[in-house]
Structures are given as structure tokens and as C-alpha cells.
């Protein structure tokens, strides 16, 4: 039996894109800081001078899947990290945005074969979002770790000799 797992070593040649929603930036900025911390602590250079991490800022979470798709299709990235915060209001807008962003990101990962980390908080209140972005625990760290692990796992799986008919063009 063969077991495949991602790991957190050998990150020097990994390339990431981070898509960050500006809406609710009090929350998304904290998620981004923790995500960058996780990447940095695992040997990945972040910031303006980085050749390993590119950043794409979008107006809100609803725009994340479209930009992540363009990044995934570029073939330049081992993983894409999507960071946003959708906080319930007094209308049904929350339900539509949260659902479509989740579906869009999942579909994108499935269709492109590029790991896409779903780092979009969906909470009932701003307080809950802040708790998940740093007051109690910052999930941005986990999103960075998930991206490293999935980038290394998919890199291993891409090197398998798969019959062409079982996965045409998906693992290239």
C-alpha cells in the first residue's frame, strides 16, 4: 500500500498566490498577516520583494473565485490562498455571497487541479470574525499551512504515471 501525504519541507521552489478581499479588511488583514507568518516560518519568502508569493487584492469575497481562476490558469502557482470575510447582515445577501464564493473556489480547484485554500470566513457577527482572525485563534496560519501541504502533496501526485485516459490534461 502506498500512502501519499504533503509535508512542510522543501519549500524553496514553491510559488503561491494570495487573493485577498479588501471588504472587511480589518479581518482579512489579520488573516493575511498570520498566513504570511506561516509561510515565512516554513522557508517561503513573502512581501513586496518576494519571488515566491504574489498578491491579488479584490474588492470583496465575491470577486475572489474569478481572480483565483485567472491565477490558477496561468500555470505559475503551486497553490492559491483565498482570504476573505463574509459577515451576516440583515438581508439575504450573506447567503448568496457565502454560497457562491464557496462553490466557486471548490469548483475551481477541482477543474484546474491547482490547490485552492478556502480562507473565507463566514460568520454571523464581526466579533466572531475577529475571534477567528486573531483574538482567540488566527485561522490565517492554518490557511498558509494547508497551502504548503497541498502544494507538496499535489506535486508528488503529479509525478505519478497515470494513464492518459484517466486524467486528460488535469494533472499537467
N, C-alpha and C. Protein backbone atom coordinates (compact mmCIF):
# COMPACT_ATOMS: atom_id res chain seq x y z
N UNK A 1 0.84 -1.18 0.00
CA UNK A 1 0.00 0.00 0.00
C UNK A 1 0.89 1.24 0.00
N UNK A 2 0.54 2.21 -0.81
CA UNK A 2 1.25 3.47 -0.87
C UNK A 2 0.42 4.53 -0.17
N UNK A 3 1.09 5.35 0.63
CA UNK A 3 0.42 6.45 1.30
C UNK A 3 1.02 7.75 0.79
N UNK A 4 0.17 8.67 0.38
CA UNK A 4 0.62 9.97 -0.09
C UNK A 4 0.24 11.03 0.93
N UNK A 5 1.20 11.84 1.30
CA UNK A 5 0.96 12.94 2.24
C UNK A 5 1.78 14.14 1.81
N UNK A 6 1.24 15.31 2.10
CA UNK A 6 2.01 16.52 1.90
C UNK A 6 2.95 16.71 3.07
N UNK A 7 3.90 17.59 2.92
CA UNK A 7 4.84 17.87 4.00
C UNK A 7 5.12 19.36 4.02
N UNK A 8 5.92 19.79 4.97
CA UNK A 8 6.19 21.21 5.15
C UNK A 8 7.65 21.57 4.92
N UNK A 9 8.40 20.65 4.30
CA UNK A 9 9.79 20.91 3.95
C UNK A 9 9.87 21.16 2.46
N UNK A 10 11.07 21.43 1.99
CA UNK A 10 11.32 21.62 0.56
C UNK A 10 10.40 22.68 -0.04
N UNK A 11 10.39 23.86 0.56
CA UNK A 11 9.50 24.92 0.10
C UNK A 11 10.21 25.96 -0.76
N UNK A 12 11.50 25.82 -0.94
CA UNK A 12 12.29 26.86 -1.61
C UNK A 12 11.82 27.16 -3.02
N UNK A 13 11.28 26.19 -3.72
CA UNK A 13 10.86 26.44 -5.10
C UNK A 13 9.34 26.47 -5.28
N UNK A 14 8.60 26.50 -4.18
CA UNK A 14 7.15 26.60 -4.28
C UNK A 14 6.74 28.04 -4.59
N UNK A 15 5.67 28.18 -5.34
CA UNK A 15 5.16 29.51 -5.70
C UNK A 15 3.68 29.58 -5.34
N UNK A 16 3.31 30.65 -4.65
CA UNK A 16 1.94 30.84 -4.17
C UNK A 16 1.37 32.15 -4.67
N UNK A 17 0.06 32.18 -4.79
CA UNK A 17 -0.67 33.43 -4.99
C UNK A 17 -1.65 33.54 -3.84
N UNK A 18 -1.80 34.75 -3.34
CA UNK A 18 -2.78 35.00 -2.28
C UNK A 18 -3.77 36.03 -2.83
N UNK A 19 -5.05 35.66 -2.82
CA UNK A 19 -6.11 36.57 -3.24
C UNK A 19 -6.80 37.06 -1.97
N UNK A 20 -6.82 38.38 -1.78
CA UNK A 20 -7.33 38.95 -0.54
C UNK A 20 -8.45 39.95 -0.85
N UNK A 21 -9.58 39.79 -0.17
CA UNK A 21 -10.69 40.72 -0.31
C UNK A 21 -10.43 41.95 0.56
N UNK A 22 -10.62 43.14 -0.03
CA UNK A 22 -10.46 44.38 0.75
C UNK A 22 -11.66 44.62 1.66
N UNK A 23 -12.85 44.17 1.26
CA UNK A 23 -14.04 44.36 2.09
C UNK A 23 -13.83 43.58 3.39
N UNK A 24 -14.13 44.19 4.51
CA UNK A 24 -13.85 43.63 5.84
C UNK A 24 -12.35 43.49 6.05
N UNK A 25 -11.59 44.50 5.61
CA UNK A 25 -10.13 44.44 5.69
C UNK A 25 -9.60 44.41 7.12
N UNK A 26 -10.39 44.81 8.07
CA UNK A 26 -9.97 44.65 9.47
C UNK A 26 -9.73 43.17 9.76
N UNK A 27 -10.54 42.32 9.18
CA UNK A 27 -10.43 40.88 9.36
C UNK A 27 -9.43 40.28 8.38
N UNK A 28 -9.55 40.62 7.10
CA UNK A 28 -8.70 40.00 6.08
C UNK A 28 -7.24 40.39 6.26
N UNK A 29 -6.98 41.59 6.76
CA UNK A 29 -5.59 41.99 7.02
C UNK A 29 -4.94 41.12 8.09
N UNK A 30 -5.71 40.77 9.11
CA UNK A 30 -5.20 39.89 10.17
C UNK A 30 -4.99 38.47 9.65
N UNK A 31 -5.91 38.00 8.82
CA UNK A 31 -5.74 36.66 8.22
C UNK A 31 -4.47 36.64 7.36
N UNK A 32 -4.26 37.70 6.59
CA UNK A 32 -3.08 37.76 5.72
C UNK A 32 -1.79 37.75 6.54
N UNK A 33 -1.75 38.50 7.62
CA UNK A 33 -0.54 38.54 8.46
C UNK A 33 -0.20 37.16 9.01
N UNK A 34 -1.18 36.44 9.50
CA UNK A 34 -0.93 35.11 10.05
C UNK A 34 -0.55 34.13 8.95
N UNK A 35 -1.17 34.25 7.79
CA UNK A 35 -0.84 33.39 6.65
C UNK A 35 0.61 33.62 6.24
N UNK A 36 1.01 34.87 6.13
CA UNK A 36 2.39 35.19 5.78
C UNK A 36 3.36 34.66 6.83
N UNK A 37 2.98 34.73 8.09
CA UNK A 37 3.82 34.21 9.17
C UNK A 37 4.04 32.71 9.01
N UNK A 38 2.98 31.98 8.70
CA UNK A 38 3.10 30.52 8.50
C UNK A 38 4.02 30.23 7.32
N UNK A 39 3.85 30.95 6.23
CA UNK A 39 4.70 30.73 5.06
C UNK A 39 6.16 31.05 5.38
N UNK A 40 6.39 32.17 6.03
CA UNK A 40 7.75 32.60 6.38
C UNK A 40 8.45 31.58 7.28
N UNK A 41 7.73 31.10 8.26
CA UNK A 41 8.33 30.15 9.21
C UNK A 41 8.65 28.80 8.56
N UNK A 42 8.15 28.62 7.35
CA UNK A 42 8.44 27.38 6.63
C UNK A 42 9.30 27.63 5.40
N UNK A 43 10.06 28.74 5.45
CA UNK A 43 11.09 28.99 4.45
C UNK A 43 10.63 29.68 3.18
N UNK A 44 9.44 30.22 3.18
CA UNK A 44 8.92 30.89 1.99
C UNK A 44 9.07 32.39 2.17
N UNK A 45 9.65 33.04 1.18
CA UNK A 45 9.85 34.48 1.23
C UNK A 45 8.54 35.18 0.85
N UNK A 46 8.09 36.09 1.71
CA UNK A 46 6.85 36.83 1.47
C UNK A 46 7.17 38.32 1.38
N UNK A 47 6.20 39.10 0.94
CA UNK A 47 6.36 40.54 0.90
C UNK A 47 6.61 41.07 -0.50
N UNK A 48 6.80 42.38 -0.60
CA UNK A 48 6.94 43.03 -1.91
C UNK A 48 8.09 42.52 -2.77
N UNK A 49 9.18 42.11 -2.15
CA UNK A 49 10.35 41.65 -2.92
C UNK A 49 10.34 40.14 -3.16
N UNK A 50 9.26 39.47 -2.78
CA UNK A 50 9.20 38.01 -2.88
C UNK A 50 9.05 37.54 -4.33
N UNK A 51 9.78 36.49 -4.64
CA UNK A 51 9.57 35.83 -5.94
C UNK A 51 8.73 34.57 -5.75
N UNK A 52 8.35 34.28 -4.50
CA UNK A 52 7.58 33.08 -4.22
C UNK A 52 6.10 33.34 -3.99
N UNK A 53 5.74 34.56 -3.64
CA UNK A 53 4.35 34.86 -3.32
C UNK A 53 3.92 36.11 -4.08
N UNK A 54 2.83 35.97 -4.82
CA UNK A 54 2.21 37.10 -5.49
C UNK A 54 0.89 37.40 -4.79
N UNK A 55 0.49 38.66 -4.80
CA UNK A 55 -0.71 39.10 -4.11
C UNK A 55 -1.69 39.69 -5.12
N UNK A 56 -2.96 39.37 -4.96
CA UNK A 56 -4.02 39.97 -5.77
C UNK A 56 -5.11 40.46 -4.83
N UNK A 57 -5.31 41.76 -4.82
CA UNK A 57 -6.34 42.37 -3.98
C UNK A 57 -7.61 42.53 -4.82
N UNK A 58 -8.74 42.13 -4.26
CA UNK A 58 -10.02 42.24 -4.94
C UNK A 58 -10.99 43.03 -4.05
N UNK A 59 -12.04 43.61 -4.65
CA UNK A 59 -12.95 44.43 -3.84
C UNK A 59 -13.62 43.67 -2.69
N UNK A 60 -14.12 42.47 -2.97
CA UNK A 60 -14.81 41.71 -1.93
C UNK A 60 -14.67 40.22 -2.17
N UNK A 61 -15.24 39.44 -1.29
CA UNK A 61 -15.12 37.98 -1.39
C UNK A 61 -15.76 37.43 -2.65
N UNK A 62 -16.82 38.06 -3.13
CA UNK A 62 -17.50 37.56 -4.33
C UNK A 62 -16.57 37.53 -5.54
N UNK A 63 -15.60 38.43 -5.58
CA UNK A 63 -14.67 38.51 -6.71
C UNK A 63 -13.50 37.54 -6.60
N UNK A 64 -13.33 36.91 -5.48
CA UNK A 64 -12.19 36.01 -5.27
C UNK A 64 -12.13 34.87 -6.30
N UNK A 65 -13.21 34.12 -6.54
CA UNK A 65 -13.08 32.98 -7.46
C UNK A 65 -12.63 33.36 -8.87
N UNK A 66 -13.11 34.48 -9.40
CA UNK A 66 -12.74 34.85 -10.76
C UNK A 66 -11.24 35.15 -10.86
N UNK A 67 -10.72 35.89 -9.91
CA UNK A 67 -9.29 36.23 -9.93
C UNK A 67 -8.46 34.98 -9.63
N UNK A 68 -8.90 34.15 -8.71
CA UNK A 68 -8.18 32.91 -8.42
C UNK A 68 -8.14 32.01 -9.65
N UNK A 69 -9.20 32.01 -10.43
CA UNK A 69 -9.24 31.21 -11.66
C UNK A 69 -8.17 31.67 -12.64
N UNK A 70 -8.08 32.97 -12.85
CA UNK A 70 -7.08 33.50 -13.77
C UNK A 70 -5.67 33.14 -13.29
N UNK A 71 -5.45 33.22 -12.00
CA UNK A 71 -4.14 32.87 -11.44
C UNK A 71 -3.87 31.37 -11.62
N UNK A 72 -4.87 30.55 -11.36
CA UNK A 72 -4.68 29.10 -11.49
C UNK A 72 -4.40 28.72 -12.95
N UNK A 73 -5.09 29.34 -13.87
CA UNK A 73 -4.91 29.02 -15.28
C UNK A 73 -3.56 29.50 -15.83
N UNK A 74 -2.91 30.40 -15.11
CA UNK A 74 -1.60 30.88 -15.57
C UNK A 74 -0.54 29.79 -15.51
N UNK A 75 -0.77 28.78 -14.66
CA UNK A 75 0.20 27.70 -14.51
C UNK A 75 1.44 28.08 -13.71
N UNK A 76 1.43 29.23 -13.09
CA UNK A 76 2.60 29.73 -12.36
C UNK A 76 2.63 29.31 -10.88
N UNK A 77 1.53 28.81 -10.35
CA UNK A 77 1.42 28.65 -8.90
C UNK A 77 1.23 27.19 -8.49
N UNK A 78 1.87 26.84 -7.38
CA UNK A 78 1.69 25.52 -6.79
C UNK A 78 0.43 25.47 -5.94
N UNK A 79 0.00 26.62 -5.43
CA UNK A 79 -1.23 26.72 -4.64
C UNK A 79 -1.67 28.17 -4.60
N UNK A 80 -2.96 28.35 -4.40
CA UNK A 80 -3.54 29.68 -4.28
C UNK A 80 -4.30 29.73 -2.97
N UNK A 81 -4.09 30.81 -2.24
CA UNK A 81 -4.75 31.00 -0.95
C UNK A 81 -5.76 32.13 -1.11
N UNK A 82 -7.02 31.86 -0.78
CA UNK A 82 -8.08 32.85 -0.90
C UNK A 82 -8.49 33.31 0.50
N UNK A 83 -8.38 34.62 0.74
CA UNK A 83 -8.70 35.17 2.05
C UNK A 83 -9.82 36.20 1.94
N UNK A 84 -10.85 36.01 2.74
CA UNK A 84 -11.98 36.95 2.75
C UNK A 84 -12.79 36.78 4.01
N UNK A 85 -13.79 37.63 4.15
CA UNK A 85 -14.69 37.54 5.30
C UNK A 85 -16.08 37.99 4.85
N UNK A 86 -17.03 37.08 5.01
CA UNK A 86 -18.42 37.39 4.71
C UNK A 86 -19.16 37.33 6.04
N UNK A 87 -19.69 38.47 6.44
CA UNK A 87 -20.34 38.59 7.75
C UNK A 87 -21.83 38.83 7.53
N UNK A 88 -22.63 38.03 8.22
CA UNK A 88 -24.09 38.09 8.04
C UNK A 88 -24.61 39.49 8.38
N UNK A 89 -25.49 39.97 7.55
CA UNK A 89 -26.16 41.24 7.80
C UNK A 89 -27.64 40.99 8.03
N UNK A 90 -28.45 41.99 7.71
CA UNK A 90 -29.88 41.85 7.94
C UNK A 90 -30.65 41.48 6.68
N UNK A 91 -29.92 41.16 5.61
CA UNK A 91 -30.57 40.74 4.37
C UNK A 91 -30.04 39.36 3.97
N UNK A 92 -30.55 38.84 2.89
CA UNK A 92 -30.11 37.53 2.42
C UNK A 92 -28.82 37.61 1.60
N UNK A 93 -28.25 38.78 1.45
CA UNK A 93 -27.02 38.98 0.68
C UNK A 93 -25.92 38.02 1.15
N UNK A 94 -25.78 37.86 2.45
CA UNK A 94 -24.77 36.99 3.04
C UNK A 94 -24.87 35.57 2.48
N UNK A 95 -26.08 35.03 2.45
CA UNK A 95 -26.29 33.66 1.99
C UNK A 95 -25.84 33.48 0.55
N UNK A 96 -26.16 34.43 -0.29
CA UNK A 96 -25.78 34.34 -1.70
C UNK A 96 -24.27 34.43 -1.87
N UNK A 97 -23.66 35.41 -1.23
CA UNK A 97 -22.21 35.60 -1.39
C UNK A 97 -21.45 34.41 -0.82
N UNK A 98 -21.75 34.01 0.40
CA UNK A 98 -21.04 32.89 1.03
C UNK A 98 -21.15 31.62 0.20
N UNK A 99 -22.34 31.33 -0.27
CA UNK A 99 -22.56 30.11 -1.05
C UNK A 99 -21.80 30.15 -2.37
N UNK A 100 -21.89 31.24 -3.09
CA UNK A 100 -21.25 31.32 -4.40
C UNK A 100 -19.73 31.34 -4.31
N UNK A 101 -19.19 31.99 -3.30
CA UNK A 101 -17.73 32.00 -3.13
C UNK A 101 -17.24 30.59 -2.82
N UNK A 102 -17.91 29.91 -1.93
CA UNK A 102 -17.50 28.54 -1.58
C UNK A 102 -17.58 27.62 -2.79
N UNK A 103 -18.69 27.68 -3.52
CA UNK A 103 -18.84 26.84 -4.71
C UNK A 103 -17.81 27.20 -5.77
N UNK A 104 -17.58 28.48 -5.96
CA UNK A 104 -16.64 28.92 -6.97
C UNK A 104 -15.22 28.45 -6.70
N UNK A 105 -14.79 28.56 -5.47
CA UNK A 105 -13.44 28.15 -5.11
C UNK A 105 -13.28 26.64 -5.22
N UNK A 106 -14.27 25.88 -4.74
CA UNK A 106 -14.19 24.42 -4.81
C UNK A 106 -14.19 23.95 -6.25
N UNK A 107 -15.05 24.50 -7.06
CA UNK A 107 -15.12 24.13 -8.47
C UNK A 107 -13.81 24.44 -9.18
N UNK A 108 -13.27 25.58 -8.88
CA UNK A 108 -12.01 26.00 -9.48
C UNK A 108 -10.88 25.02 -9.16
N UNK A 109 -10.76 24.63 -7.93
CA UNK A 109 -9.72 23.67 -7.54
C UNK A 109 -9.92 22.35 -8.27
N UNK A 110 -11.14 21.90 -8.32
CA UNK A 110 -11.45 20.62 -8.98
C UNK A 110 -11.13 20.69 -10.47
N UNK A 111 -11.52 21.77 -11.12
CA UNK A 111 -11.35 21.87 -12.56
C UNK A 111 -9.91 22.12 -12.99
N UNK A 112 -9.15 22.84 -12.19
CA UNK A 112 -7.78 23.19 -12.60
C UNK A 112 -6.72 22.25 -12.05
N UNK A 113 -7.03 21.54 -10.97
CA UNK A 113 -6.03 20.69 -10.33
C UNK A 113 -5.03 21.47 -9.50
N UNK A 114 -5.25 22.77 -9.35
CA UNK A 114 -4.38 23.60 -8.51
C UNK A 114 -5.02 23.67 -7.12
N UNK A 115 -4.28 23.39 -6.07
CA UNK A 115 -4.85 23.52 -4.73
C UNK A 115 -5.27 24.96 -4.45
N UNK A 116 -6.50 25.13 -4.03
CA UNK A 116 -7.03 26.44 -3.69
C UNK A 116 -7.50 26.37 -2.25
N UNK A 117 -6.87 27.13 -1.38
CA UNK A 117 -7.23 27.12 0.03
C UNK A 117 -8.40 28.07 0.27
N UNK A 118 -9.44 27.54 0.87
CA UNK A 118 -10.64 28.33 1.18
C UNK A 118 -10.44 29.02 2.53
N UNK A 119 -9.98 30.24 2.47
CA UNK A 119 -9.74 31.02 3.68
C UNK A 119 -10.73 32.17 3.79
N UNK A 120 -11.98 31.89 3.46
CA UNK A 120 -13.02 32.91 3.54
C UNK A 120 -13.87 32.63 4.77
N UNK A 121 -13.76 33.48 5.75
CA UNK A 121 -14.56 33.31 6.96
C UNK A 121 -16.01 33.64 6.64
N UNK A 122 -16.92 32.82 7.13
CA UNK A 122 -18.35 33.09 7.01
C UNK A 122 -18.91 33.06 8.43
N UNK A 123 -19.22 34.24 8.94
CA UNK A 123 -19.63 34.34 10.35
C UNK A 123 -20.92 35.13 10.48
N UNK A 124 -21.53 34.99 11.64
CA UNK A 124 -22.76 35.73 11.92
C UNK A 124 -22.48 37.16 12.37
N UNK A 125 -21.33 37.37 13.02
CA UNK A 125 -21.03 38.70 13.57
C UNK A 125 -19.57 39.08 13.31
N UNK A 126 -19.31 40.37 13.40
CA UNK A 126 -17.94 40.86 13.29
C UNK A 126 -17.09 40.29 14.43
N UNK A 127 -17.66 40.18 15.61
CA UNK A 127 -16.93 39.62 16.75
C UNK A 127 -16.46 38.19 16.45
N UNK A 128 -17.32 37.37 15.87
CA UNK A 128 -16.92 36.01 15.52
C UNK A 128 -15.79 36.02 14.50
N UNK A 129 -15.87 36.92 13.52
CA UNK A 129 -14.82 37.00 12.51
C UNK A 129 -13.49 37.41 13.15
N UNK A 130 -13.54 38.38 14.04
CA UNK A 130 -12.31 38.82 14.72
C UNK A 130 -11.73 37.72 15.59
N UNK A 131 -12.58 36.92 16.21
CA UNK A 131 -12.09 35.80 17.01
C UNK A 131 -11.35 34.79 16.15
N UNK A 132 -11.82 34.58 14.94
CA UNK A 132 -11.18 33.62 14.03
C UNK A 132 -9.96 34.20 13.32
N UNK A 133 -9.83 35.53 13.42
CA UNK A 133 -8.71 36.21 12.77
C UNK A 133 -7.73 36.79 13.78
N UNK A 134 -7.72 36.26 14.99
CA UNK A 134 -6.67 36.69 15.88
C UNK A 134 -6.96 36.84 17.34
N UNK A 135 -8.19 37.17 17.73
CA UNK A 135 -8.43 37.38 19.15
C UNK A 135 -8.24 36.08 19.92
N UNK A 136 -8.83 35.00 19.43
CA UNK A 136 -8.67 33.70 20.09
C UNK A 136 -7.70 32.80 19.33
N UNK A 137 -7.81 32.82 18.02
CA UNK A 137 -7.01 31.95 17.17
C UNK A 137 -7.04 32.57 15.79
N UNK A 138 -5.91 32.58 15.09
CA UNK A 138 -5.92 33.17 13.76
C UNK A 138 -5.87 32.06 12.72
N UNK A 139 -6.97 31.86 12.03
CA UNK A 139 -7.06 30.81 11.03
C UNK A 139 -6.17 31.07 9.81
N UNK A 140 -5.69 32.30 9.66
CA UNK A 140 -4.79 32.61 8.55
C UNK A 140 -3.56 31.71 8.57
N UNK A 141 -3.09 31.36 9.76
CA UNK A 141 -1.96 30.45 9.90
C UNK A 141 -2.30 29.10 9.27
N UNK A 142 -3.46 28.57 9.61
CA UNK A 142 -3.88 27.28 9.08
C UNK A 142 -4.03 27.32 7.56
N UNK A 143 -4.52 28.44 7.03
CA UNK A 143 -4.67 28.55 5.58
C UNK A 143 -3.31 28.49 4.89
N UNK A 144 -2.32 29.14 5.47
CA UNK A 144 -0.96 29.06 4.92
C UNK A 144 -0.40 27.66 5.00
N UNK A 145 -0.59 27.00 6.13
CA UNK A 145 -0.10 25.63 6.31
C UNK A 145 -0.80 24.67 5.33
N UNK A 146 -2.11 24.84 5.18
CA UNK A 146 -2.85 23.98 4.24
C UNK A 146 -2.31 24.13 2.83
N UNK A 147 -1.99 25.36 2.44
CA UNK A 147 -1.48 25.59 1.09
C UNK A 147 -0.13 24.92 0.89
N UNK A 148 0.76 25.01 1.88
CA UNK A 148 2.07 24.35 1.77
C UNK A 148 1.89 22.84 1.64
N UNK A 149 1.08 22.28 2.51
CA UNK A 149 0.86 20.83 2.50
C UNK A 149 0.26 20.37 1.17
N UNK A 150 -0.75 21.06 0.69
CA UNK A 150 -1.40 20.66 -0.56
C UNK A 150 -0.49 20.88 -1.77
N UNK A 151 0.32 21.93 -1.74
CA UNK A 151 1.25 22.16 -2.86
C UNK A 151 2.23 21.00 -2.96
N UNK A 152 2.76 20.57 -1.83
CA UNK A 152 3.70 19.45 -1.86
C UNK A 152 3.02 18.12 -2.18
N UNK A 153 1.81 17.92 -1.69
CA UNK A 153 1.08 16.69 -1.99
C UNK A 153 0.75 16.60 -3.48
N UNK A 154 0.22 17.66 -4.05
CA UNK A 154 -0.14 17.60 -5.47
C UNK A 154 1.10 17.50 -6.35
N UNK A 155 2.20 18.07 -5.90
CA UNK A 155 3.45 17.93 -6.65
C UNK A 155 3.86 16.44 -6.71
N UNK A 156 3.72 15.74 -5.59
CA UNK A 156 4.02 14.31 -5.57
C UNK A 156 3.08 13.54 -6.49
N UNK A 157 1.80 13.85 -6.40
CA UNK A 157 0.80 13.12 -7.19
C UNK A 157 0.95 13.39 -8.68
N UNK A 158 1.39 14.55 -9.05
CA UNK A 158 1.58 14.87 -10.47
C UNK A 158 2.69 14.05 -11.09
N UNK A 159 3.59 13.55 -10.27
CA UNK A 159 4.70 12.75 -10.78
C UNK A 159 4.35 11.27 -10.96
N UNK A 160 3.12 10.91 -10.62
CA UNK A 160 2.68 9.53 -10.84
C UNK A 160 2.49 9.30 -12.32
N UNK A 161 2.73 8.12 -12.74
CA UNK A 161 2.49 7.76 -14.14
C UNK A 161 1.04 7.34 -14.27
N UNK A 162 0.17 8.26 -14.64
CA UNK A 162 -1.24 7.95 -14.79
C UNK A 162 -1.56 7.70 -16.26
N UNK A 163 -2.40 6.73 -16.53
CA UNK A 163 -2.84 6.54 -17.91
C UNK A 163 -3.53 7.82 -18.41
N UNK A 164 -3.25 8.21 -19.63
CA UNK A 164 -3.80 9.46 -20.15
C UNK A 164 -5.32 9.49 -20.13
N UNK A 165 -5.97 8.37 -20.38
CA UNK A 165 -7.42 8.36 -20.44
C UNK A 165 -8.05 8.60 -19.07
N UNK A 166 -7.32 8.37 -17.98
CA UNK A 166 -7.93 8.53 -16.65
C UNK A 166 -7.92 9.98 -16.18
N UNK A 167 -7.02 10.80 -16.69
CA UNK A 167 -6.98 12.19 -16.24
C UNK A 167 -6.41 13.09 -17.33
N UNK A 168 -7.10 13.21 -18.44
CA UNK A 168 -6.54 14.02 -19.54
C UNK A 168 -6.39 15.49 -19.16
N UNK A 169 -5.19 16.00 -19.29
CA UNK A 169 -4.87 17.41 -19.12
C UNK A 169 -5.13 17.98 -17.72
N UNK A 170 -5.55 17.21 -16.78
CA UNK A 170 -5.84 17.74 -15.46
C UNK A 170 -4.61 17.85 -14.59
N UNK A 171 -3.65 17.00 -14.77
CA UNK A 171 -2.51 16.99 -13.86
C UNK A 171 -1.22 17.49 -14.52
N UNK A 172 -1.34 18.31 -15.51
CA UNK A 172 -0.15 18.83 -16.20
C UNK A 172 0.32 20.10 -15.55
